[in-house]
Amino acid sequence: MASFLTLRDVSLRGKRVLLREDLNVPLKEGAVRDDTRIRAALPTLRYLHEQGARTIVVSHLGRPDGRRVAELSLKPVAEVLSKELGAPVAFCDEAIGAKADAAVAALQDGQTLLLENLRFYPGEEANDPAFAAALAKHGDIYVNDAFGTAHRAHASTAGVAELLPAVAGFLMEAELHALSSLLENPAKPFVCVLGGAKVADKIGVFTNLMKRCDTFVVGGGMANTFLAAQNVPIGNSLRDKDLAPATQVLAQARAAGVTIELPVDAVVATSLDATESETRIVELPFRASHEAGESSEQTGSPASLRAGEMLLDIGPKTREAYAKIIEGAKTIVFNGPMGVYEKAPFQAGTAAVGAAIARATRNGAKSVVGGGDAAAAAHALNFADAVTHVSTGGGATLEFLEGRALPGVVALQKAAVR
């Protein structure tokens, strides 16, 4: 990908640094419930503090739709940020205007200020030039460290970068390097582990990675859709209503000589709230390593599925087969759980895949966990720290893997050659 400047390329002492972070954290009764994104911002914030910059942090929180919503104020975030940073973080309940200007002017070298939720202002999501100019007035340098919002052409991600010298923060830099490594000459074999709900949501990922990937191993509702597209009965299991995208992907894989691995057995139950004793293992009617798009002889027909049963996780034979494939890989991307991992009876598949990714990583593979549900699963099942990189992006990660240009990244690239 085209180059961009980073924090190491600019002088920071005494400079006002307008820092875009993604501090869109979950709140409950005015308290931060999950500080993952706050901790991800700390390397950049600490560096700016140590370098003597006057740091003005801006972020969004939730979807207030351009109006002030008290429950979506960033004030609770400032308190957690201060504790994690180990230094005071001032808070201003405005992002632009006289009050914000005064708070910025009061900053001394090494101090940090967090401004109010950008999405309280209609101009943020509209990328309004006047709003971007009002934000840019706060800084001498703009730093974008919010990869999770890089796919949005908003005032704070694209507009401001056209008005100030613009560089990437450490998190943005790490995300772009890790994800680019999947698209630019990845080491082989390259295995893509895809799960989650819908094939339709990840058609772009399949299509783009098909040019680079050797094998897809598929689980979750996505696997159910592929099974249904091959006329495999799946009972009440979650699947896409439209099977055409799955049929299209299977045909593309066959033409490209890429293997799509689907489950050979599954954990089934009649309810997401089923206990372990209320689940059972069902064999699925095709061999583990089949030609994409080719049906095979039924050997353990799920016609035996009982009324109301659903496929809710990959079964033990599939876990073993997937683990073997993953452990032989040199490049791995994990972008979705293998089952309903939030429920104990249906998390063994995702846990087994995560453990295999961890083993492969210890043996020298490069492994990247996509954002969103994949990152949540990796943290919940304790394999996040055992992989090369866990992305903080959700939609941004997905769009990057689809090969799309991200407005926030394009803005940094343009700024590097101004």
Protein backbone atom coordinates (compact mmCIF):
# COMPACT_ATOMS: atom_id res chain seq x y z
CA MET A 1 0.00 0.00 0.00
CA ALA A 2 1.05 3.63 -0.45
CA SER A 3 3.17 5.08 2.34
CA PHE A 4 2.13 7.49 5.08
CA LEU A 5 3.95 9.46 7.75
CA THR A 6 3.94 8.45 11.41
CA LEU A 7 4.55 10.08 14.78
CA ARG A 8 8.27 9.41 14.40
CA ASP A 9 8.40 11.72 11.38
CA VAL A 10 7.34 14.93 13.16
CA SER A 11 8.61 17.15 15.97
CA LEU A 12 6.09 17.18 18.81
CA ARG A 13 7.38 19.15 21.79
CA GLY A 14 5.21 22.15 22.47
CA LYS A 15 3.00 21.38 19.47
CA ARG A 16 -0.78 21.15 19.71
CA VAL A 17 -1.61 17.66 18.47
CA LEU A 18 -5.18 16.94 17.42
CA LEU A 19 -5.44 13.20 18.01
CA ARG A 20 -8.33 11.17 16.58
CA GLU A 21 -8.83 8.04 18.66
CA ASP A 22 -11.59 5.43 18.62
CA LEU A 23 -12.89 5.59 22.19
CA ASN A 24 -16.29 4.24 21.29
CA VAL A 25 -16.51 2.03 24.38
CA PRO A 26 -19.60 0.42 25.91
CA LEU A 27 -21.06 2.30 28.87
CA LYS A 28 -23.49 1.13 31.54
CA GLU A 29 -25.00 3.55 34.05
CA GLY A 30 -22.30 6.08 33.25
CA ALA A 31 -19.37 3.69 33.69
CA VAL A 32 -17.04 2.15 31.10
CA ARG A 33 -17.80 -1.58 30.80
CA ASP A 34 -14.91 -2.56 28.49
CA ASP A 35 -11.71 -0.50 28.24
CA THR A 36 -10.11 -2.46 25.38
CA ARG A 37 -10.16 0.50 23.00
CA ILE A 38 -8.86 2.84 25.68
CA ARG A 39 -5.90 0.55 26.33
CA ALA A 40 -5.25 0.27 22.60
CA ALA A 41 -4.82 4.04 22.45
CA LEU A 42 -2.28 4.19 25.28
CA PRO A 43 0.98 3.72 23.29
CA THR A 44 0.25 6.81 21.19
CA LEU A 45 -1.00 8.84 24.16
CA ARG A 46 2.03 7.93 26.28
CA TYR A 47 4.43 8.82 23.48
CA LEU A 48 2.80 12.22 22.98
CA HIS A 49 2.91 12.85 26.74
CA GLU A 50 6.58 11.87 26.93
CA GLN A 51 7.47 13.98 23.90
CA GLY A 52 5.94 17.08 25.48
CA ALA A 53 3.06 17.49 23.04
CA ARG A 54 -0.12 19.31 23.98
CA THR A 55 -2.59 16.56 23.11
CA ILE A 56 -6.21 17.26 22.19
CA VAL A 57 -8.07 13.95 21.89
CA VAL A 58 -11.25 13.69 19.83
CA SER A 59 -13.54 10.68 19.41
CA HIS A 60 -17.12 9.63 18.86
CA LEU A 61 -19.29 7.53 21.13
CA GLY A 62 -22.43 5.73 20.03
CA ARG A 63 -24.94 7.13 17.56
CA PRO A 64 -26.43 10.37 18.89
CA ASP A 65 -27.27 11.45 15.32
CA GLY A 66 -25.96 14.98 15.58
CA ARG A 67 -27.63 15.92 18.85
CA ARG A 68 -26.47 16.09 22.46
CA VAL A 69 -27.31 12.91 24.39
CA ALA A 70 -26.20 13.02 28.03
CA GLU A 71 -25.79 9.24 28.26
CA LEU A 72 -23.25 9.35 25.40
CA SER A 73 -20.92 11.94 26.89
CA LEU A 74 -17.22 11.07 26.82
CA LYS A 75 -16.71 12.36 30.37
CA PRO A 76 -16.59 8.83 31.92
CA VAL A 77 -14.00 7.91 29.30
CA ALA A 78 -11.77 10.82 30.38
CA GLU A 79 -11.72 9.43 33.92
CA VAL A 80 -10.68 5.93 32.80
CA LEU A 81 -8.19 7.37 30.31
CA SER A 82 -6.54 9.38 33.08
CA LYS A 83 -6.26 6.31 35.29
CA GLU A 84 -4.81 4.14 32.52
CA LEU A 85 -2.43 6.85 31.31
CA GLY A 86 -1.21 7.60 34.82
CA ALA A 87 -1.55 11.34 34.18
CA PRO A 88 -4.42 13.82 34.38
CA VAL A 89 -6.74 14.04 31.37
CA ALA A 90 -8.81 17.22 31.31
CA PHE A 91 -12.31 17.12 29.82
CA CYS A 92 -14.27 19.76 27.95
CA ASP A 93 -17.98 19.26 27.33
CA GLU A 94 -17.71 20.96 23.93
CA ALA A 95 -15.70 19.95 20.85
CA ILE A 96 -15.67 23.33 19.09
CA GLY A 97 -16.46 26.91 20.06
CA ALA A 98 -15.18 29.35 22.65
CA LYS A 99 -15.21 26.91 25.57
CA ALA A 100 -13.22 24.29 23.65
CA ASP A 101 -10.83 26.97 22.35
CA ALA A 102 -10.15 28.13 25.91
CA ALA A 103 -9.54 24.56 27.14
CA VAL A 104 -7.05 23.99 24.32
CA ALA A 105 -5.31 27.29 25.00
CA ALA A 106 -4.85 26.34 28.67
CA LEU A 107 -2.86 23.20 27.84
CA GLN A 108 0.81 23.04 28.79
CA ASP A 109 3.53 20.81 27.29
CA GLY A 110 2.85 17.14 28.03
CA GLN A 111 -0.77 17.67 29.03
CA THR A 112 -3.83 15.91 27.58
CA LEU A 113 -7.37 17.13 26.95
CA LEU A 114 -10.39 15.10 25.78
CA LEU A 115 -13.12 16.99 23.94
CA GLU A 116 -16.79 16.02 23.89
CA ASN A 117 -18.39 13.44 21.59
CA LEU A 118 -17.88 14.52 17.98
CA ARG A 119 -21.19 13.00 16.90
CA PHE A 120 -23.09 15.51 19.02
CA TYR A 121 -22.43 17.75 15.99
CA PRO A 122 -24.15 17.10 12.61
CA GLY A 123 -21.03 18.36 10.83
CA GLU A 124 -18.95 15.37 11.94
CA GLU A 125 -20.67 12.61 9.97
CA ALA A 126 -21.48 15.02 7.13
CA ASN A 127 -17.76 15.86 6.81
CA ASP A 128 -18.82 19.50 6.84
CA PRO A 129 -15.87 21.76 5.86
CA ALA A 130 -16.78 24.35 8.48
CA PHE A 131 -16.84 21.76 11.26
CA ALA A 132 -13.55 20.27 10.04
CA ALA A 133 -12.01 23.76 10.04
CA ALA A 134 -13.24 24.40 13.59
CA LEU A 135 -11.60 21.16 14.74
CA ALA A 136 -8.40 21.84 12.80
CA LYS A 137 -8.08 25.20 14.58
CA HIS A 138 -7.26 23.26 17.76
CA GLY A 139 -4.08 21.70 16.39
CA ASP A 140 -0.74 22.25 14.70
CA ILE A 141 -0.51 18.56 13.74
CA TYR A 142 -3.22 15.96 13.14
CA VAL A 143 -2.71 12.35 14.20
CA ASN A 144 -5.17 9.64 13.18
CA ASP A 145 -4.95 6.65 15.49
CA ALA A 146 -8.57 5.51 15.00
CA PHE A 147 -8.39 2.63 12.55
CA GLY A 148 -11.87 1.53 13.61
CA THR A 149 -13.35 4.64 11.96
CA ALA A 150 -10.97 4.85 9.00
CA HIS A 151 -13.67 3.55 6.65
CA ARG A 152 -15.78 6.67 7.36
CA ALA A 153 -15.26 9.91 5.43
CA HIS A 154 -16.10 12.10 8.43
CA ALA A 155 -14.77 15.51 9.39
CA SER A 156 -12.43 14.08 12.04
CA THR A 157 -11.11 11.26 9.84
CA ALA A 158 -10.88 12.84 6.40
CA GLY A 159 -11.71 16.56 6.48
CA VAL A 160 -9.17 17.61 9.13
CA ALA A 161 -6.38 15.66 7.41
CA GLU A 162 -6.66 18.02 4.44
CA LEU A 163 -6.11 21.08 6.65
CA LEU A 164 -3.19 20.07 8.88
CA PRO A 165 0.05 18.08 8.56
CA ALA A 166 -1.33 14.56 9.06
CA VAL A 167 0.37 11.40 10.36
CA ALA A 168 -0.63 7.96 11.66
CA GLY A 169 -0.56 7.06 15.34
CA PHE A 170 1.02 3.83 16.56
CA LEU A 171 -2.23 1.85 16.58
CA MET A 172 -3.15 2.96 13.06
CA GLU A 173 0.37 2.08 11.91
CA ALA A 174 0.22 -1.38 13.52
CA GLU A 175 -3.21 -2.12 12.02
CA LEU A 176 -2.18 -1.14 8.51
CA HIS A 177 1.06 -3.11 8.60
CA ALA A 178 -0.63 -6.24 10.02
CA LEU A 179 -3.57 -6.21 7.61
CA SER A 180 -1.41 -5.28 4.60
CA SER A 181 0.73 -8.35 5.29
CA LEU A 182 -2.34 -10.49 4.52
CA LEU A 183 -2.80 -8.90 1.11
CA GLU A 184 0.78 -8.27 0.00
CA ASN A 185 2.81 -11.46 -0.60
CA PRO A 186 1.57 -13.49 2.40
CA ALA A 187 3.65 -16.53 3.33
CA LYS A 188 2.12 -19.81 2.19
CA PRO A 189 0.13 -21.81 3.08
CA PHE A 190 -2.38 -19.04 3.79
CA VAL A 191 -5.47 -20.17 5.72
CA CYS A 192 -8.53 -17.99 6.23
CA VAL A 193 -10.82 -18.97 9.12
CA LEU A 194 -14.25 -17.47 8.51
CA GLY A 195 -17.31 -17.67 10.74
CA GLY A 196 -20.13 -15.48 11.90
CA ALA A 197 -23.67 -15.21 10.65
CA LYS A 198 -23.91 -14.40 6.95
CA VAL A 199 -22.08 -15.33 3.77
CA ALA A 200 -23.56 -12.24 2.10
CA ASP A 201 -21.78 -9.97 4.61
CA LYS A 202 -18.38 -11.40 3.65
CA ILE A 203 -18.69 -11.93 -0.10
CA GLY A 204 -16.06 -9.20 -0.60
CA VAL A 205 -13.65 -10.92 1.79
CA PHE A 206 -14.07 -14.26 0.04
CA THR A 207 -13.60 -12.69 -3.39
CA ASN A 208 -10.52 -10.65 -2.48
CA LEU A 209 -8.76 -13.28 -0.37
CA MET A 210 -9.55 -16.02 -2.90
CA LYS A 211 -6.68 -14.56 -4.98
CA ARG A 212 -4.23 -15.04 -2.11
CA CYS A 213 -5.59 -17.75 0.17
CA ASP A 214 -5.01 -21.51 -0.13
CA THR A 215 -7.78 -22.73 2.14
CA PHE A 216 -10.89 -21.35 3.80
CA VAL A 217 -12.15 -23.13 6.90
CA VAL A 218 -15.71 -22.12 7.61
CA GLY A 219 -17.98 -22.29 10.64
CA GLY A 220 -20.93 -20.58 12.26
CA GLY A 221 -24.09 -19.56 10.47
CA MET A 222 -21.96 -19.01 7.38
CA ALA A 223 -21.17 -22.73 7.22
CA ASN A 224 -24.89 -23.50 7.54
CA THR A 225 -25.55 -21.40 4.44
CA PHE A 226 -22.89 -23.24 2.44
CA LEU A 227 -24.37 -26.55 3.58
CA ALA A 228 -27.87 -25.49 2.57
CA ALA A 229 -26.54 -24.33 -0.81
CA GLN A 230 -25.44 -27.96 -1.37
CA ASN A 231 -28.87 -29.29 -0.40
CA VAL A 232 -27.78 -30.46 3.03
CA PRO A 233 -30.72 -30.37 5.46
CA ILE A 234 -29.86 -28.10 8.40
CA GLY A 235 -33.13 -28.02 10.32
CA ASN A 236 -33.86 -24.73 12.08
CA SER A 237 -30.25 -23.53 11.84
CA LEU A 238 -29.42 -19.90 11.14
CA ARG A 239 -28.59 -19.32 7.46
CA ASP A 240 -28.87 -16.71 4.73
CA LYS A 241 -32.29 -16.62 3.10
CA ASP A 242 -30.65 -16.10 -0.29
CA LEU A 243 -28.32 -19.00 -1.14
CA ALA A 244 -27.03 -17.45 -4.37
CA PRO A 245 -23.97 -15.73 -2.79
CA ALA A 246 -22.86 -19.02 -1.24
CA THR A 247 -23.30 -20.85 -4.54
CA GLN A 248 -21.30 -18.09 -6.24
CA VAL A 249 -18.42 -18.39 -3.73
CA LEU A 250 -18.31 -22.17 -4.10
CA ALA A 251 -18.09 -21.82 -7.89
CA GLN A 252 -15.35 -19.18 -7.61
CA ALA A 253 -13.33 -21.40 -5.28
CA ARG A 254 -13.61 -24.38 -7.61
CA ALA A 255 -12.45 -22.25 -10.56
CA ALA A 256 -9.54 -20.84 -8.55
CA GLY A 257 -8.45 -24.18 -7.14
CA VAL A 258 -9.04 -22.95 -3.59
CA THR A 259 -10.38 -25.35 -0.97
CA ILE A 260 -13.39 -24.43 1.15
CA GLU A 261 -13.57 -26.71 4.18
CA LEU A 262 -17.00 -27.19 5.74
CA PRO A 263 -18.02 -29.02 8.92
CA VAL A 264 -18.32 -32.80 8.89
CA ASP A 265 -20.12 -32.84 12.22
CA ALA A 266 -21.87 -30.35 14.46
CA VAL A 267 -23.11 -29.72 17.97
CA VAL A 268 -26.89 -29.38 17.82
CA ALA A 269 -29.66 -28.38 20.22
CA THR A 270 -33.17 -27.01 20.07
CA SER A 271 -32.31 -23.79 21.95
CA LEU A 272 -29.42 -21.37 22.36
CA ASP A 273 -30.00 -21.74 26.09
CA ALA A 274 -29.60 -25.52 26.04
CA THR A 275 -27.39 -27.10 28.69
CA GLU A 276 -24.50 -29.40 27.82
CA SER A 277 -26.69 -32.43 28.49
CA GLU A 278 -29.29 -31.13 26.04
CA THR A 279 -26.85 -31.06 23.11
CA ARG A 280 -25.69 -33.86 20.84
CA ILE A 281 -23.26 -34.45 17.98
CA VAL A 282 -24.63 -34.99 14.47
CA GLU A 283 -22.61 -36.24 11.50
CA LEU A 284 -22.90 -34.20 8.31
CA PRO A 285 -23.25 -35.81 4.86
CA PHE A 286 -19.99 -35.10 3.07
CA ARG A 287 -16.31 -35.70 3.55
CA ALA A 288 -14.05 -33.17 5.25
CA SER A 289 -12.03 -32.15 2.22
CA HIS A 290 -14.41 -31.97 -0.72
CA GLU A 291 -14.26 -30.16 -4.04
CA ALA A 292 -15.94 -26.79 -3.56
CA GLY A 293 -19.43 -26.88 -5.00
CA GLU A 294 -19.50 -30.69 -5.36
CA SER A 295 -22.05 -32.71 -3.41
CA SER A 296 -21.04 -36.14 -2.15
CA GLU A 297 -22.69 -39.30 -0.96
CA GLN A 298 -24.64 -38.95 2.25
CA THR A 299 -22.98 -41.00 4.97
CA GLY A 300 -24.62 -39.79 8.17
CA SER A 301 -27.65 -37.94 6.99
CA PRO A 302 -28.89 -35.05 9.09
CA ALA A 303 -32.33 -36.27 8.16
CA SER A 304 -31.93 -37.64 11.70
CA LEU A 305 -32.05 -34.07 13.02
CA ARG A 306 -34.91 -33.87 15.47
CA ALA A 307 -37.68 -31.32 15.25
CA GLY A 308 -36.45 -27.85 16.12
CA GLU A 309 -32.74 -28.72 16.27
CA MET A 310 -30.10 -26.26 15.09
CA LEU A 311 -26.40 -26.54 14.21
CA LEU A 312 -24.78 -24.31 16.87
CA ASP A 313 -21.07 -25.25 16.79
CA ILE A 314 -18.66 -27.36 14.81
CA GLY A 315 -18.26 -30.92 16.12
CA PRO A 316 -15.16 -32.76 17.41
CA LYS A 317 -14.16 -34.29 14.05
CA THR A 318 -14.36 -30.88 12.41
CA ARG A 319 -12.34 -29.29 15.22
CA GLU A 320 -9.59 -31.87 14.71
CA ALA A 321 -9.58 -31.43 10.93
CA TYR A 322 -9.57 -27.62 11.13
CA ALA A 323 -6.80 -27.60 13.74
CA LYS A 324 -4.58 -29.74 11.52
CA ILE A 325 -5.06 -27.37 8.57
CA ILE A 326 -4.41 -24.28 10.69
CA GLU A 327 -1.29 -25.71 12.32
CA GLY A 328 0.23 -26.25 8.87
CA ALA A 329 -0.28 -22.61 7.85
CA LYS A 330 2.29 -19.82 7.63
CA THR A 331 -0.29 -17.02 7.39
CA ILE A 332 -3.65 -17.09 9.17
CA VAL A 333 -6.56 -14.68 9.40
CA PHE A 334 -9.42 -15.38 11.80
CA ASN A 335 -12.58 -13.45 11.03
CA GLY A 336 -15.51 -14.96 12.85
CA PRO A 337 -16.42 -17.58 15.46
CA MET A 338 -17.22 -21.20 14.66
CA GLY A 339 -20.41 -21.26 16.73
CA VAL A 340 -22.39 -19.46 19.39
CA TYR A 341 -19.25 -19.01 21.49
CA GLU A 342 -21.02 -16.80 24.04
CA LYS A 343 -22.77 -19.93 25.33
CA ALA A 344 -20.60 -22.55 27.09
CA PRO A 345 -22.03 -25.62 25.28
CA PHE A 346 -21.18 -24.07 21.89
CA GLN A 347 -17.75 -22.52 22.38
CA ALA A 348 -15.52 -25.57 21.97
CA GLY A 349 -15.22 -25.09 18.21
CA THR A 350 -14.00 -21.51 18.42
CA ALA A 351 -11.74 -22.39 21.34
CA ALA A 352 -10.18 -25.28 19.38
CA VAL A 353 -9.56 -23.08 16.36
CA GLY A 354 -8.08 -20.37 18.59
CA ALA A 355 -5.76 -22.87 20.26
CA ALA A 356 -4.60 -24.11 16.85
CA ILE A 357 -3.91 -20.54 15.71
CA ALA A 358 -1.89 -19.97 18.89
CA ARG A 359 0.17 -23.13 18.26
CA ALA A 360 0.82 -22.13 14.65
CA THR A 361 1.88 -18.66 15.78
CA ARG A 362 4.34 -20.11 18.28
CA ASN A 363 5.80 -22.11 15.39
CA GLY A 364 6.41 -18.99 13.33
CA ALA A 365 3.13 -18.31 11.52
CA LYS A 366 1.80 -14.77 11.20
CA SER A 367 -1.73 -14.63 12.58
CA VAL A 368 -4.24 -11.78 12.48
CA VAL A 369 -7.60 -11.72 14.25
CA GLY A 370 -10.13 -9.51 12.51
CA GLY A 371 -12.10 -6.99 14.54
CA GLY A 372 -15.68 -7.14 15.77
CA ASP A 373 -16.97 -10.57 16.82
CA ALA A 374 -13.66 -12.26 15.99
CA ALA A 375 -11.74 -10.02 18.39
CA ALA A 376 -14.43 -10.41 21.06
CA ALA A 377 -14.23 -14.20 20.73
CA ALA A 378 -10.43 -14.16 20.91
CA HIS A 379 -10.52 -12.15 24.14
CA ALA A 380 -13.38 -14.17 25.65
CA LEU A 381 -11.66 -17.49 24.94
CA ASN A 382 -8.19 -16.27 25.95
CA PHE A 383 -6.22 -16.62 22.73
CA ALA A 384 -5.95 -12.91 21.85
CA ASP A 385 -2.52 -12.60 23.49
CA ALA A 386 -1.20 -15.64 21.61
CA VAL A 387 -1.64 -14.26 18.07
CA THR A 388 0.43 -11.79 16.09
CA HIS A 389 -2.19 -9.05 15.92
CA VAL A 390 -5.78 -8.45 17.04
CA SER A 391 -7.48 -5.77 15.00
CA THR A 392 -9.50 -3.07 16.75
CA GLY A 393 -11.56 -2.43 13.63
CA GLY A 394 -14.93 -3.94 12.82
CA GLY A 395 -16.28 -2.59 9.57
CA ALA A 396 -12.90 -1.02 8.78
CA THR A 397 -11.12 -4.38 9.02
CA LEU A 398 -13.73 -6.04 6.86
CA GLU A 399 -13.53 -3.34 4.18
CA PHE A 400 -9.72 -3.46 4.21
CA LEU A 401 -9.77 -7.23 3.67
CA GLU A 402 -12.24 -6.69 0.84
CA GLY A 403 -9.58 -4.51 -0.82
CA ARG A 404 -11.50 -1.25 -0.48
CA ALA A 405 -9.80 2.12 -0.04
CA LEU A 406 -10.48 3.54 3.44
CA PRO A 407 -11.06 7.33 3.43
CA GLY A 408 -9.12 7.87 6.66
CA VAL A 409 -6.12 6.01 5.28
CA VAL A 410 -6.30 7.67 1.87
CA ALA A 411 -6.24 11.04 3.66
CA LEU A 412 -3.01 10.10 5.45
CA GLN A 413 -1.45 8.90 2.20
CA LYS A 414 -2.32 12.15 0.43
CA ALA A 415 -0.94 14.18 3.33
CA ALA A 416 2.39 12.34 3.06
CA VAL A 417 2.98 13.71 -0.45
CA ARG A 418 1.69 17.25 0.01
